[in-house]
Amino acid sequence: MPREIITLQCTETKLKLYTTTKNKKKTTERLELMKYNPKLRKHTLHREVK
């Protein structure tokens, strides 16, 4: 199965708020997305963690 479940961690609060899937064969670098952080009540950068 090429798609793997990954966790996204906020760069500001270090909270692990979101999970998503990505294709490991096509996307080898770490995923970075702007997602909503309810604690800060704004959109922040979230990075993929193991």
Protein backbone atom coordinates (compact mmCIF):
# COMPACT_ATOMS: atom_id res chain seq x y z
CA MET A 1 0.00 0.00 0.00
CA PRO A 2 1.75 3.21 -1.14
CA ARG A 3 -0.35 5.64 0.93
CA GLU A 4 0.64 6.05 4.56
CA ILE A 5 -1.07 7.83 7.45
CA ILE A 6 0.93 10.79 8.74
CA THR A 7 0.48 13.22 11.65
CA LEU A 8 0.74 17.00 11.30
CA GLN A 9 2.20 18.98 14.19
CA CYS A 10 1.83 22.73 14.70
CA THR A 11 5.14 24.61 14.52
CA GLU A 12 4.05 27.21 17.09
CA THR A 13 2.29 25.21 19.83
CA LYS A 14 3.74 21.73 19.06
CA LEU A 15 0.25 20.22 19.25
CA LYS A 16 -0.52 17.24 17.01
CA LEU A 17 -3.92 18.23 15.71
CA TYR A 18 -4.35 16.70 12.26
CA THR A 19 -3.81 13.39 10.48
CA THR A 20 -3.80 12.81 6.74
CA THR A 21 -2.43 10.39 4.15
CA LYS A 22 0.26 10.81 1.53
CA ASN A 23 1.85 8.74 -1.18
CA LYS A 24 5.35 7.87 0.06
CA LYS A 25 6.63 6.97 -3.42
CA LYS A 26 5.62 10.24 -5.09
CA THR A 27 6.17 12.61 -2.16
CA THR A 28 9.41 11.84 -0.37
CA GLU A 29 9.90 15.19 1.42
CA ARG A 30 8.01 16.16 4.56
CA LEU A 31 4.59 17.68 4.08
CA GLU A 32 3.92 21.27 5.22
CA LEU A 33 0.40 22.73 5.25
CA MET A 34 -1.31 25.80 6.63
CA LYS A 35 -4.02 24.49 8.96
CA TYR A 36 -6.29 26.02 11.59
CA ASN A 37 -5.11 25.92 15.20
CA PRO A 38 -8.10 26.23 17.57
CA LYS A 39 -5.91 27.08 20.57
CA LEU A 40 -4.43 30.15 18.83
CA ARG A 41 -7.60 30.76 16.77
CA LYS A 42 -5.65 31.31 13.55
CA HIS A 43 -4.01 29.39 10.69
CA THR A 44 -0.48 28.19 11.40
CA LEU A 45 2.11 26.07 9.63
CA HIS A 46 1.83 22.34 10.35
CA ARG A 47 4.63 19.91 9.50
CA GLU A 48 4.69 16.17 9.12
CA VAL A 49 6.07 14.22 12.08
CA LYS A 50 6.65 10.50 12.58
